[in-house]
PDB file of all heavy atoms in Angstrom:
ATOM      1  N   LYS A   1      -0.328   4.692 -28.193  1.00  0.00           N
ATOM      2  CA  LYS A   1       0.224   4.388 -29.510  1.00  0.00           C
ATOM      3  C   LYS A   1       0.175   2.870 -29.618  1.00  0.00           C
ATOM      4  O   LYS A   1       0.848   2.168 -28.851  1.00  0.00           O
ATOM      5  CB  LYS A   1       1.648   4.896 -29.658  1.00  0.00           C
ATOM      6  CG  LYS A   1       2.225   4.611 -31.042  1.00  0.00           C
ATOM      7  CD  LYS A   1       3.604   5.211 -31.201  1.00  0.00           C
ATOM      8  CE  LYS A   1       4.102   4.957 -32.625  1.00  0.00           C
ATOM      9  NZ  LYS A   1       5.427   5.532 -32.825  1.00  0.00           N
ATOM     10  N   GLY A   2      -0.651   2.384 -30.534  1.00  0.00           N
ATOM     11  CA  GLY A   2      -0.855   0.947 -30.621  1.00  0.00           C
ATOM     12  C   GLY A   2      -1.487   0.455 -29.335  1.00  0.00           C
ATOM     13  O   GLY A   2      -2.463   1.026 -28.852  1.00  0.00           O
ATOM     14  N   ASN A   3      -0.903  -0.572 -28.730  1.00  0.00           N
ATOM     15  CA  ASN A   3      -1.416  -1.123 -27.470  1.00  0.00           C
ATOM     16  C   ASN A   3      -0.721  -0.562 -26.243  1.00  0.00           C
ATOM     17  O   ASN A   3      -0.945  -1.045 -25.143  1.00  0.00           O
ATOM     18  CB  ASN A   3      -1.279  -2.652 -27.476  1.00  0.00           C
ATOM     19  CG  ASN A   3      -2.225  -3.289 -28.460  1.00  0.00           C
ATOM     20  OD1 ASN A   3      -3.317  -2.782 -28.720  1.00  0.00           O
ATOM     21  ND2 ASN A   3      -1.805  -4.404 -29.039  1.00  0.00           N
ATOM     22  N   ALA A   4       0.131   0.432 -26.411  1.00  0.00           N
ATOM     23  CA  ALA A   4       0.867   1.011 -25.290  1.00  0.00           C
ATOM     24  C   ALA A   4       0.227   2.330 -24.863  1.00  0.00           C
ATOM     25  O   ALA A   4      -0.245   3.108 -25.687  1.00  0.00           O
ATOM     26  CB  ALA A   4       2.323   1.239 -25.670  1.00  0.00           C
ATOM     27  N   ILE A   5       0.236   2.561 -23.549  1.00  0.00           N
ATOM     28  CA  ILE A   5      -0.249   3.828 -22.983  1.00  0.00           C
ATOM     29  C   ILE A   5       0.930   4.509 -22.312  1.00  0.00           C
ATOM     30  O   ILE A   5       1.702   3.874 -21.581  1.00  0.00           O
ATOM     31  CB  ILE A   5      -1.388   3.591 -21.966  1.00  0.00           C
ATOM     32  CG1 ILE A   5      -2.595   2.964 -22.662  1.00  0.00           C
ATOM     33  CG2 ILE A   5      -1.764   4.906 -21.275  1.00  0.00           C
ATOM     34  CD1 ILE A   5      -3.722   2.572 -21.722  1.00  0.00           C
ATOM     35  N   PHE A   6       1.064   5.803 -22.571  1.00  0.00           N
ATOM     36  CA  PHE A   6       2.131   6.611 -21.993  1.00  0.00           C
ATOM     37  C   PHE A   6       1.511   7.627 -21.046  1.00  0.00           C
ATOM     38  O   PHE A   6       0.385   8.070 -21.250  1.00  0.00           O
ATOM     39  CB  PHE A   6       2.932   7.305 -23.098  1.00  0.00           C
ATOM     40  CG  PHE A   6       3.583   6.316 -24.023  1.00  0.00           C
ATOM     41  CD1 PHE A   6       2.898   5.792 -25.108  1.00  0.00           C
ATOM     42  CD2 PHE A   6       4.877   5.887 -23.777  1.00  0.00           C
ATOM     43  CE1 PHE A   6       3.481   4.861 -25.947  1.00  0.00           C
ATOM     44  CE2 PHE A   6       5.473   4.946 -24.610  1.00  0.00           C
ATOM     45  CZ  PHE A   6       4.775   4.433 -25.692  1.00  0.00           C
ATOM     46  N   GLN A   7       2.250   7.982 -20.008  1.00  0.00           N
ATOM     47  CA  GLN A   7       1.734   8.889 -18.987  1.00  0.00           C
ATOM     48  C   GLN A   7       2.807   9.900 -18.612  1.00  0.00           C
ATOM     49  O   GLN A   7       4.004   9.630 -18.704  1.00  0.00           O
ATOM     50  CB  GLN A   7       1.343   8.076 -17.744  1.00  0.00           C
ATOM     51  CG  GLN A   7       0.751   8.921 -16.625  1.00  0.00           C
ATOM     52  CD  GLN A   7       0.544   8.101 -15.371  1.00  0.00           C
ATOM     53  OE1 GLN A   7       1.508   7.696 -14.741  1.00  0.00           O
ATOM     54  NE2 GLN A   7      -0.702   7.861 -15.012  1.00  0.00           N
ATOM     55  N   LYS A   8       2.336  11.062 -18.151  1.00  0.00           N
ATOM     56  CA  LYS A   8       3.248  12.053 -17.564  1.00  0.00           C
ATOM     57  C   LYS A   8       2.481  12.858 -16.541  1.00  0.00           C
ATOM     58  O   LYS A   8       1.293  13.131 -16.697  1.00  0.00           O
ATOM     59  CB  LYS A   8       3.865  12.948 -18.632  1.00  0.00           C
ATOM     60  CG  LYS A   8       3.232  14.290 -18.794  1.00  0.00           C
ATOM     61  CD  LYS A   8       4.035  15.176 -19.730  1.00  0.00           C
ATOM     62  CE  LYS A   8       3.573  16.598 -19.559  1.00  0.00           C
ATOM     63  NZ  LYS A   8       4.611  17.555 -19.647  1.00  0.00           N
ATOM     64  N   ARG A   9       3.152  13.179 -15.458  1.00  0.00           N
ATOM     65  CA  ARG A   9       2.550  14.039 -14.445  1.00  0.00           C
ATOM     66  C   ARG A   9       2.623  15.464 -14.957  1.00  0.00           C
ATOM     67  O   ARG A   9       3.657  15.899 -15.485  1.00  0.00           O
ATOM     68  CB  ARG A   9       3.293  13.911 -13.121  1.00  0.00           C
ATOM     69  CG  ARG A   9       2.623  14.743 -12.041  1.00  0.00           C
ATOM     70  CD  ARG A   9       3.199  14.452 -10.704  1.00  0.00           C
ATOM     71  NE  ARG A   9       2.585  15.318  -9.724  1.00  0.00           N
ATOM     72  CZ  ARG A   9       2.700  15.158  -8.438  1.00  0.00           C
ATOM     73  NH1 ARG A   9       3.400  14.149  -7.969  1.00  0.00           N
ATOM     74  NH2 ARG A   9       2.130  15.997  -7.605  1.00  0.00           N
ATOM     75  N   GLU A  10       1.525  16.179 -14.820  1.00  0.00           N
ATOM     76  CA  GLU A  10       1.475  17.568 -15.256  1.00  0.00           C
ATOM     77  C   GLU A  10       1.878  18.486 -14.110  1.00  0.00           C
ATOM     78  O   GLU A  10       1.619  18.167 -12.950  1.00  0.00           O
ATOM     79  CB  GLU A  10       0.056  17.924 -15.730  1.00  0.00           C
ATOM     80  CG  GLU A  10      -0.382  17.212 -16.996  1.00  0.00           C
ATOM     81  CD  GLU A  10       0.430  17.601 -18.214  1.00  0.00           C
ATOM     82  OE1 GLU A  10       1.165  18.596 -18.177  1.00  0.00           O
ATOM     83  OE2 GLU A  10       0.343  16.889 -19.208  1.00  0.00           O
ATOM     84  N   PRO A  11       2.502  19.597 -14.376  1.00  0.00           N
ATOM     85  CA  PRO A  11       2.851  20.094 -15.697  1.00  0.00           C
ATOM     86  C   PRO A  11       4.277  19.741 -16.132  1.00  0.00           C
ATOM     87  O   PRO A  11       4.609  19.837 -17.296  1.00  0.00           O
ATOM     88  CB  PRO A  11       2.726  21.608 -15.529  1.00  0.00           C
ATOM     89  CG  PRO A  11       3.134  21.855 -14.106  1.00  0.00           C
ATOM     90  CD  PRO A  11       2.661  20.631 -13.330  1.00  0.00           C
ATOM     91  N   ASP A  12       5.118  19.307 -15.203  1.00  0.00           N
ATOM     92  CA  ASP A  12       6.549  19.212 -15.516  1.00  0.00           C
ATOM     93  C   ASP A  12       7.123  17.806 -15.556  1.00  0.00           C
ATOM     94  O   ASP A  12       8.340  17.647 -15.599  1.00  0.00           O
ATOM     95  CB  ASP A  12       7.360  20.038 -14.498  1.00  0.00           C
ATOM     96  CG  ASP A  12       6.985  21.506 -14.531  1.00  0.00           C
ATOM     97  OD1 ASP A  12       6.761  22.031 -15.633  1.00  0.00           O
ATOM     98  OD2 ASP A  12       6.909  22.124 -13.449  1.00  0.00           O
ATOM     99  N   GLY A  13       6.274  16.795 -15.522  1.00  0.00           N
ATOM    100  CA  GLY A  13       6.785  15.429 -15.538  1.00  0.00           C
ATOM    101  C   GLY A  13       7.306  15.039 -16.902  1.00  0.00           C
ATOM    102  O   GLY A  13       7.189  15.787 -17.878  1.00  0.00           O
ATOM    103  N   GLU A  14       7.900  13.856 -16.972  1.00  0.00           N
ATOM    104  CA  GLU A  14       8.391  13.315 -18.232  1.00  0.00           C
ATOM    105  C   GLU A  14       7.498  12.156 -18.655  1.00  0.00           C
ATOM    106  O   GLU A  14       6.958  11.439 -17.807  1.00  0.00           O
ATOM    107  CB  GLU A  14       9.832  12.826 -18.077  1.00  0.00           C
ATOM    108  CG  GLU A  14      10.812  13.955 -17.819  1.00  0.00           C
ATOM    109  CD  GLU A  14      12.246  13.450 -17.728  1.00  0.00           C
ATOM    110  OE1 GLU A  14      12.455  12.248 -17.523  1.00  0.00           O
ATOM    111  OE2 GLU A  14      13.143  14.285 -17.857  1.00  0.00           O
ATOM    112  N   TRP A  15       7.340  11.964 -19.930  1.00  0.00           N
ATOM    113  CA  TRP A  15       6.549  10.871 -20.462  1.00  0.00           C
ATOM    114  C   TRP A  15       7.274   9.551 -20.209  1.00  0.00           C
ATOM    115  O   TRP A  15       8.499   9.474 -20.304  1.00  0.00           O
ATOM    116  CB  TRP A  15       6.334  11.039 -21.962  1.00  0.00           C
ATOM    117  CG  TRP A  15       5.385  12.141 -22.278  1.00  0.00           C
ATOM    118  CD1 TRP A  15       5.698  13.419 -22.644  1.00  0.00           C
ATOM    119  CD2 TRP A  15       3.953  12.074 -22.249  1.00  0.00           C
ATOM    120  NE1 TRP A  15       4.552  14.145 -22.844  1.00  0.00           N
ATOM    121  CE2 TRP A  15       3.466  13.335 -22.608  1.00  0.00           C
ATOM    122  CE3 TRP A  15       3.039  11.061 -21.946  1.00  0.00           C
ATOM    123  CZ2 TRP A  15       2.116  13.626 -22.676  1.00  0.00           C
ATOM    124  CZ3 TRP A  15       1.686  11.343 -22.008  1.00  0.00           C
ATOM    125  CH2 TRP A  15       1.232  12.615 -22.377  1.00  0.00           C
ATOM    126  N   TYR A  16       6.522   8.524 -19.880  1.00  0.00           N
ATOM    127  CA  TYR A  16       7.066   7.180 -19.745  1.00  0.00           C
ATOM    128  C   TYR A  16       5.989   6.172 -20.104  1.00  0.00           C
ATOM    129  O   TYR A  16       4.794   6.485 -20.102  1.00  0.00           O
ATOM    130  CB  TYR A  16       7.622   6.925 -18.332  1.00  0.00           C
ATOM    131  CG  TYR A  16       6.594   7.033 -17.236  1.00  0.00           C
ATOM    132  CD1 TYR A  16       5.895   5.911 -16.805  1.00  0.00           C
ATOM    133  CD2 TYR A  16       6.323   8.250 -16.632  1.00  0.00           C
ATOM    134  CE1 TYR A  16       4.950   5.997 -15.801  1.00  0.00           C
ATOM    135  CE2 TYR A  16       5.381   8.349 -15.628  1.00  0.00           C
ATOM    136  CZ  TYR A  16       4.701   7.227 -15.212  1.00  0.00           C
ATOM    137  OH  TYR A  16       3.769   7.323 -14.218  1.00  0.00           O
ATOM    138  N   ALA A  17       6.412   4.944 -20.418  1.00  0.00           N
ATOM    139  CA  ALA A  17       5.470   3.880 -20.743  1.00  0.00           C
ATOM    140  C   ALA A  17       4.735   3.487 -19.466  1.00  0.00           C
ATOM    141  O   ALA A  17       5.345   3.025 -18.507  1.00  0.00           O
ATOM    142  CB  ALA A  17       6.188   2.691 -21.346  1.00  0.00           C
ATOM    143  N   PHE A  18       3.432   3.676 -19.447  1.00  0.00           N
ATOM    144  CA  PHE A  18       2.583   3.383 -18.299  1.00  0.00           C
ATOM    145  C   PHE A  18       2.029   1.964 -18.378  1.00  0.00           C
ATOM    146  O   PHE A  18       1.986   1.242 -17.397  1.00  0.00           O
ATOM    147  CB  PHE A  18       1.432   4.400 -18.269  1.00  0.00           C
ATOM    148  CG  PHE A  18       0.460   4.212 -17.145  1.00  0.00           C
ATOM    149  CD1 PHE A  18       0.804   4.553 -15.850  1.00  0.00           C
ATOM    150  CD2 PHE A  18      -0.822   3.731 -17.382  1.00  0.00           C
ATOM    151  CE1 PHE A  18      -0.104   4.393 -14.813  1.00  0.00           C
ATOM    152  CE2 PHE A  18      -1.732   3.571 -16.355  1.00  0.00           C
ATOM    153  CZ  PHE A  18      -1.371   3.906 -15.065  1.00  0.00           C
ATOM    154  N   LYS A  19       1.604   1.567 -19.570  1.00  0.00           N
ATOM    155  CA  LYS A  19       1.046   0.225 -19.793  1.00  0.00           C
ATOM    156  C   LYS A  19       1.509  -0.250 -21.165  1.00  0.00           C
ATOM    157  O   LYS A  19       1.261   0.413 -22.166  1.00  0.00           O
ATOM    158  CB  LYS A  19      -0.476   0.271 -19.751  1.00  0.00           C
ATOM    159  CG  LYS A  19      -1.137  -1.079 -19.945  1.00  0.00           C
ATOM    160  CD  LYS A  19      -2.650  -0.968 -19.917  1.00  0.00           C
ATOM    161  CE  LYS A  19      -3.266  -2.337 -20.109  1.00  0.00           C
ATOM    162  NZ  LYS A  19      -4.698  -2.253 -20.372  1.00  0.00           N
ATOM    163  N   THR A  20       2.198  -1.387 -21.191  1.00  0.00           N
ATOM    164  CA  THR A  20       2.689  -1.926 -22.453  1.00  0.00           C
ATOM    165  C   THR A  20       2.017  -3.269 -22.743  1.00  0.00           C
ATOM    166  O   THR A  20       1.414  -3.872 -21.868  1.00  0.00           O
ATOM    167  CB  THR A  20       4.220  -2.108 -22.421  1.00  0.00           C
ATOM    168  OG1 THR A  20       4.562  -2.982 -21.347  1.00  0.00           O
ATOM    169  CG2 THR A  20       4.929  -0.780 -22.247  1.00  0.00           C
ATOM    170  N   SER A  21       2.131  -3.698 -23.975  1.00  0.00           N
ATOM    171  CA  SER A  21       1.581  -4.989 -24.367  1.00  0.00           C
ATOM    172  C   SER A  21       2.605  -5.701 -25.228  1.00  0.00           C
ATOM    173  O   SER A  21       2.988  -5.173 -26.275  1.00  0.00           O
ATOM    174  CB  SER A  21       0.277  -4.799 -25.142  1.00  0.00           C
ATOM    175  OG  SER A  21      -0.268  -6.047 -25.504  1.00  0.00           O
ATOM    176  N   PRO A  22       3.123  -6.829 -24.775  1.00  0.00           N
ATOM    177  CA  PRO A  22       2.748  -7.514 -23.539  1.00  0.00           C
ATOM    178  C   PRO A  22       3.208  -6.711 -22.321  1.00  0.00           C
ATOM    179  O   PRO A  22       4.133  -5.910 -22.399  1.00  0.00           O
ATOM    180  CB  PRO A  22       3.474  -8.855 -23.619  1.00  0.00           C
ATOM    181  CG  PRO A  22       4.625  -8.618 -24.548  1.00  0.00           C
ATOM    182  CD  PRO A  22       4.172  -7.546 -25.508  1.00  0.00           C
ATOM    183  N   ALA A  23       2.534  -6.957 -21.209  1.00  0.00           N
ATOM    184  CA  ALA A  23       2.799  -6.189 -19.985  1.00  0.00           C
ATOM    185  C   ALA A  23       4.243  -6.373 -19.539  1.00  0.00           C
ATOM    186  O   ALA A  23       4.761  -7.485 -19.508  1.00  0.00           O
ATOM    187  CB  ALA A  23       1.856  -6.626 -18.879  1.00  0.00           C
ATOM    188  N   GLY A  24       4.865  -5.257 -19.194  1.00  0.00           N
ATOM    189  CA  GLY A  24       6.232  -5.284 -18.687  1.00  0.00           C
ATOM    190  C   GLY A  24       6.245  -5.320 -17.169  1.00  0.00           C
ATOM    191  O   GLY A  24       5.314  -4.848 -16.520  1.00  0.00           O
ATOM    192  N   SER A  25       7.295  -5.867 -16.598  1.00  0.00           N
ATOM    193  CA  SER A  25       7.377  -5.970 -15.137  1.00  0.00           C
ATOM    194  C   SER A  25       7.429  -4.602 -14.474  1.00  0.00           C
ATOM    195  O   SER A  25       7.034  -4.445 -13.329  1.00  0.00           O
ATOM    196  CB  SER A  25       8.588  -6.799 -14.727  1.00  0.00           C
ATOM    197  OG  SER A  25       9.774  -6.158 -15.147  1.00  0.00           O
ATOM    198  N   GLY A  26       7.899  -3.579 -15.190  1.00  0.00           N
ATOM    199  CA  GLY A  26       7.987  -2.238 -14.624  1.00  0.00           C
ATOM    200  C   GLY A  26       6.804  -1.346 -14.945  1.00  0.00           C
ATOM    201  O   GLY A  26       6.815  -0.164 -14.613  1.00  0.00           O
ATOM    202  N   ASP A  27       5.773  -1.886 -15.583  1.00  0.00           N
ATOM    203  CA  ASP A  27       4.605  -1.072 -15.937  1.00  0.00           C
ATOM    204  C   ASP A  27       3.942  -0.509 -14.688  1.00  0.00           C
ATOM    205  O   ASP A  27       3.578  -1.259 -13.773  1.00  0.00           O
ATOM    206  CB  ASP A  27       3.561  -1.895 -16.707  1.00  0.00           C
ATOM    207  CG  ASP A  27       3.929  -2.116 -18.161  1.00  0.00           C
ATOM    208  OD1 ASP A  27       5.032  -1.710 -18.566  1.00  0.00           O
ATOM    209  OD2 ASP A  27       3.095  -2.697 -18.882  1.00  0.00           O
ATOM    210  N   GLU A  28       3.796   0.791 -14.639  1.00  0.00           N
ATOM    211  CA  GLU A  28       3.096   1.433 -13.526  1.00  0.00           C
ATOM    212  C   GLU A  28       1.648   0.950 -13.453  1.00  0.00           C
ATOM    213  O   GLU A  28       1.065   0.863 -12.381  1.00  0.00           O
ATOM    214  CB  GLU A  28       3.158   2.956 -13.684  1.00  0.00           C
ATOM    215  CG  GLU A  28       2.629   3.728 -12.500  1.00  0.00           C
ATOM    216  CD  GLU A  28       3.499   3.637 -11.251  1.00  0.00           C
ATOM    217  OE1 GLU A  28       4.692   3.287 -11.349  1.00  0.00           O
ATOM    218  OE2 GLU A  28       2.983   3.916 -10.152  1.00  0.00           O
ATOM    219  N   TYR A  29       1.082   0.598 -14.588  1.00  0.00           N
ATOM    220  CA  TYR A  29      -0.306   0.124 -14.639  1.00  0.00           C
ATOM    221  C   TYR A  29      -0.527  -1.083 -13.731  1.00  0.00           C
ATOM    222  O   TYR A  29      -1.619  -1.264 -13.197  1.00  0.00           O
ATOM    223  CB  TYR A  29      -0.681  -0.237 -16.083  1.00  0.00           C
ATOM    224  CG  TYR A  29      -2.070  -0.803 -16.197  1.00  0.00           C
ATOM    225  CD1 TYR A  29      -3.185   0.025 -16.082  1.00  0.00           C
ATOM    226  CD2 TYR A  29      -2.268  -2.170 -16.380  1.00  0.00           C
ATOM    227  CE1 TYR A  29      -4.467  -0.506 -16.159  1.00  0.00           C
ATOM    228  CE2 TYR A  29      -3.540  -2.699 -16.462  1.00  0.00           C
ATOM    229  CZ  TYR A  29      -4.639  -1.866 -16.345  1.00  0.00           C
ATOM    230  OH  TYR A  29      -5.902  -2.388 -16.415  1.00  0.00           O
ATOM    231  N   ARG A  30       0.503  -1.896 -13.520  1.00  0.00           N
ATOM    232  CA  ARG A  30       0.370  -3.058 -12.632  1.00  0.00           C
ATOM    233  C   ARG A  30      -0.005  -2.637 -11.206  1.00  0.00           C
ATOM    234  O   ARG A  30      -0.474  -3.445 -10.424  1.00  0.00           O
ATOM    235  CB  ARG A  30       1.665  -3.862 -12.603  1.00  0.00           C
ATOM    236  CG  ARG A  30       1.933  -4.617 -13.873  1.00  0.00           C
ATOM    237  CD  ARG A  30       3.263  -5.363 -13.753  1.00  0.00           C
ATOM    238  NE  ARG A  30       3.507  -6.198 -14.898  1.00  0.00           N
ATOM    239  CZ  ARG A  30       3.342  -7.519 -14.908  1.00  0.00           C
ATOM    240  NH1 ARG A  30       2.945  -8.142 -13.844  1.00  0.00           N
ATOM    241  NH2 ARG A  30       3.591  -8.202 -15.998  1.00  0.00           N
ATOM    242  N   LYS A  31       0.240  -1.381 -10.873  1.00  0.00           N
ATOM    243  CA  LYS A  31      -0.081  -0.884  -9.532  1.00  0.00           C
ATOM    244  C   LYS A  31      -1.513  -0.383  -9.428  1.00  0.00           C
ATOM    245  O   LYS A  31      -1.948   0.033  -8.359  1.00  0.00           O
ATOM    246  CB  LYS A  31       0.899   0.217  -9.149  1.00  0.00           C
ATOM    247  CG  LYS A  31       2.327  -0.293  -9.078  1.00  0.00           C
ATOM    248  CD  LYS A  31       3.291   0.825  -8.833  1.00  0.00           C
ATOM    249  CE  LYS A  31       4.715   0.318  -8.942  1.00  0.00           C
ATOM    250  NZ  LYS A  31       5.667   1.411  -8.859  1.00  0.00           N
ATOM    251  N   LEU A  32      -2.255  -0.400 -10.536  1.00  0.00           N
ATOM    252  CA  LEU A  32      -3.685  -0.067 -10.530  1.00  0.00           C
ATOM    253  C   LEU A  32      -4.452  -1.367 -10.355  1.00  0.00           C
ATOM    254  O   LEU A  32      -4.575  -2.146 -11.297  1.00  0.00           O
ATOM    255  CB  LEU A  32      -4.094   0.603 -11.846  1.00  0.00           C
ATOM    256  CG  LEU A  32      -3.992   2.098 -11.939  1.00  0.00           C
ATOM    257  CD1 LEU A  32      -4.400   2.567 -13.326  1.00  0.00           C
ATOM    258  CD2 LEU A  32      -4.808   2.801 -10.888  1.00  0.00           C
ATOM    259  N   GLN A  33      -4.940  -1.607  -9.156  1.00  0.00           N
ATOM    260  CA  GLN A  33      -5.597  -2.867  -8.836  1.00  0.00           C
ATOM    261  C   GLN A  33      -7.103  -2.675  -8.687  1.00  0.00           C
ATOM    262  O   GLN A  33      -7.553  -1.692  -8.089  1.00  0.00           O
ATOM    263  CB  GLN A  33      -5.036  -3.430  -7.526  1.00  0.00           C
ATOM    264  CG  GLN A  33      -3.574  -3.788  -7.600  1.00  0.00           C
ATOM    265  CD  GLN A  33      -3.330  -4.937  -8.549  1.00  0.00           C
ATOM    266  OE1 GLN A  33      -4.005  -5.956  -8.486  1.00  0.00           O
ATOM    267  NE2 GLN A  33      -2.371  -4.768  -9.448  1.00  0.00           N
ATOM    268  N   PRO A  34      -7.900  -3.620  -9.230  1.00  0.00           N
ATOM    269  CA  PRO A  34      -9.354  -3.532  -9.045  1.00  0.00           C
ATOM    270  C   PRO A  34      -9.695  -3.585  -7.555  1.00  0.00           C
ATOM    271  O   PRO A  34      -9.088  -4.347  -6.806  1.00  0.00           O
ATOM    272  CB  PRO A  34      -9.895  -4.779  -9.759  1.00  0.00           C
ATOM    273  CG  PRO A  34      -8.792  -5.262 -10.631  1.00  0.00           C
ATOM    274  CD  PRO A  34      -7.510  -4.796 -10.001  1.00  0.00           C
ATOM    275  N   GLY A  35     -10.614  -2.759  -7.133  1.00  0.00           N
ATOM    276  CA  GLY A  35     -11.042  -2.755  -5.740  1.00  0.00           C
ATOM    277  C   GLY A  35     -10.476  -1.582  -4.959  1.00  0.00           C
ATOM    278  O   GLY A  35      -9.699  -0.780  -5.463  1.00  0.00           O
ATOM    279  N   ASP A  36     -10.911  -1.515  -3.722  1.00  0.00           N
ATOM    280  CA  ASP A  36     -10.562  -0.405  -2.841  1.00  0.00           C
ATOM    281  C   ASP A  36      -9.523  -0.845  -1.819  1.00  0.00           C
ATOM    282  O   ASP A  36      -9.839  -1.538  -0.859  1.00  0.00           O
ATOM    283  CB  ASP A  36     -11.828   0.095  -2.144  1.00  0.00           C
ATOM    284  CG  ASP A  36     -11.590   1.295  -1.249  1.00  0.00           C
ATOM    285  OD1 ASP A  36     -10.424   1.706  -1.080  1.00  0.00           O
ATOM    286  OD2 ASP A  36     -12.576   1.814  -0.704  1.00  0.00           O
ATOM    287  N   TYR A  37      -8.283  -0.432  -2.044  1.00  0.00           N
ATOM    288  CA  TYR A  37      -7.192  -0.739  -1.123  1.00  0.00           C
ATOM    289  C   TYR A  37      -6.747   0.506  -0.349  1.00  0.00           C
ATOM    290  O   TYR A  37      -5.668   0.502   0.231  1.00  0.00           O
ATOM    291  CB  TYR A  37      -6.000  -1.314  -1.889  1.00  0.00           C
ATOM    292  CG  TYR A  37      -6.275  -2.673  -2.479  1.00  0.00           C
ATOM    293  CD1 TYR A  37      -6.767  -2.802  -3.774  1.00  0.00           C
ATOM    294  CD2 TYR A  37      -6.071  -3.825  -1.734  1.00  0.00           C
ATOM    295  CE1 TYR A  37      -7.042  -4.043  -4.314  1.00  0.00           C
ATOM    296  CE2 TYR A  37      -6.346  -5.070  -2.264  1.00  0.00           C
ATOM    297  CZ  TYR A  37      -6.834  -5.177  -3.562  1.00  0.00           C
ATOM    298  OH  TYR A  37      -7.112  -6.407  -4.094  1.00  0.00           O
ATOM    299  N   ALA A  38      -7.569   1.537  -0.356  1.00  0.00           N
ATOM    300  CA  ALA A  38      -7.171   2.786   0.294  1.00  0.00           C
ATOM    301  C   ALA A  38      -8.059   3.171   1.469  1.00  0.00           C
ATOM    302  O   ALA A  38      -7.578   3.761   2.437  1.00  0.00           O
ATOM    303  CB  ALA A  38      -7.162   3.930  -0.728  1.00  0.00           C
ATOM    304  N   THR A  39      -9.342   2.867   1.406  1.00  0.00           N
ATOM    305  CA  THR A  39     -10.284   3.422   2.378  1.00  0.00           C
ATOM    306  C   THR A  39     -10.027   2.969   3.812  1.00  0.00           C
ATOM    307  O   THR A  39     -10.156   3.775   4.734  1.00  0.00           O
ATOM    308  CB  THR A  39     -11.733   3.128   1.954  1.00  0.00           C
ATOM    309  OG1 THR A  39     -11.956   3.762   0.684  1.00  0.00           O
ATOM    310  CG2 THR A  39     -12.728   3.679   2.954  1.00  0.00           C
ATOM    311  N   ALA A  40      -9.644   1.724   4.037  1.00  0.00           N
ATOM    312  CA  ALA A  40      -9.419   1.265   5.421  1.00  0.00           C
ATOM    313  C   ALA A  40      -8.325   2.084   6.094  1.00  0.00           C
ATOM    314  O   ALA A  40      -8.503   2.582   7.211  1.00  0.00           O
ATOM    315  CB  ALA A  40      -9.076  -0.222   5.439  1.00  0.00           C
ATOM    316  N   ARG A  41      -7.186   2.261   5.428  1.00  0.00           N
ATOM    317  CA  ARG A  41      -6.092   3.061   6.009  1.00  0.00           C
ATOM    318  C   ARG A  41      -6.481   4.540   6.065  1.00  0.00           C
ATOM    319  O   ARG A  41      -6.149   5.247   7.001  1.00  0.00           O
ATOM    320  CB  ARG A  41      -4.827   2.855   5.185  1.00  0.00           C
ATOM    321  CG  ARG A  41      -3.596   3.540   5.690  1.00  0.00           C
ATOM    322  CD  ARG A  41      -3.000   2.955   6.968  1.00  0.00           C
ATOM    323  NE  ARG A  41      -2.705   1.553   6.936  1.00  0.00           N
ATOM    324  CZ  ARG A  41      -1.577   1.015   6.491  1.00  0.00           C
ATOM    325  NH1 ARG A  41      -0.620   1.758   6.023  1.00  0.00           N
ATOM    326  NH2 ARG A  41      -1.405  -0.281   6.533  1.00  0.00           N
ATOM    327  N   PHE A  42      -7.203   5.013   5.029  1.00  0.00           N
ATOM    328  CA  PHE A  42      -7.729   6.377   5.013  1.00  0.00           C
ATOM    329  C   PHE A  42      -8.564   6.621   6.279  1.00  0.00           C
ATOM    330  O   PHE A  42      -8.384   7.627   6.964  1.00  0.00           O
ATOM    331  CB  PHE A  42      -8.584   6.559   3.753  1.00  0.00           C
ATOM    332  CG  PHE A  42      -9.422   7.789   3.716  1.00  0.00           C
ATOM    333  CD1 PHE A  42      -8.947   8.952   3.137  1.00  0.00           C
ATOM    334  CD2 PHE A  42     -10.715   7.794   4.238  1.00  0.00           C
ATOM    335  CE1 PHE A  42      -9.728  10.094   3.088  1.00  0.00           C
ATOM    336  CE2 PHE A  42     -11.496   8.922   4.195  1.00  0.00           C
ATOM    337  CZ  PHE A  42     -11.005  10.079   3.622  1.00  0.00           C
ATOM    338  N   ASP A  43      -9.481   5.694   6.578  1.00  0.00           N
ATOM    339  CA  ASP A  43     -10.353   5.840   7.755  1.00  0.00           C
ATOM    340  C   ASP A  43      -9.551   5.853   9.049  1.00  0.00           C
ATOM    341  O   ASP A  43      -9.840   6.639   9.961  1.00  0.00           O
ATOM    342  CB  ASP A  43     -11.395   4.718   7.803  1.00  0.00           C
ATOM    343  CG  ASP A  43     -12.481   4.878   6.754  1.00  0.00           C
ATOM    344  OD1 ASP A  43     -12.656   5.988   6.212  1.00  0.00           O
ATOM    345  OD2 ASP A  43     -13.175   3.867   6.481  1.00  0.00           O
ATOM    346  N   ARG A  44      -8.528   4.995   9.147  1.00  0.00           N
ATOM    347  CA  ARG A  44      -7.689   4.991  10.359  1.00  0.00           C
ATOM    348  C   ARG A  44      -6.959   6.319  10.521  1.00  0.00           C
ATOM    349  O   ARG A  44      -6.885   6.867  11.622  1.00  0.00           O
ATOM    350  CB  ARG A  44      -6.690   3.834  10.315  1.00  0.00           C
ATOM    351  CG  ARG A  44      -7.319   2.493  10.595  1.00  0.00           C
ATOM    352  CD  ARG A  44      -6.275   1.432  10.908  1.00  0.00           C
ATOM    353  NE  ARG A  44      -5.399   1.125   9.793  1.00  0.00           N
ATOM    354  CZ  ARG A  44      -5.599   0.149   8.921  1.00  0.00           C
ATOM    355  NH1 ARG A  44      -6.657  -0.611   9.014  1.00  0.00           N
ATOM    356  NH2 ARG A  44      -4.735  -0.059   7.947  1.00  0.00           N
TER     357      ARG A  44
END
């Protein structure tokens, strides 16, 4: 809606602001980082 993105986990989650504009300190989107931060620990 506008510049904001809302998210919910299916099937029973609740909707919440995922990405806002301007960005909020609690935006879950801030935890989506460019690059691969999972494979090294995955491999271990």
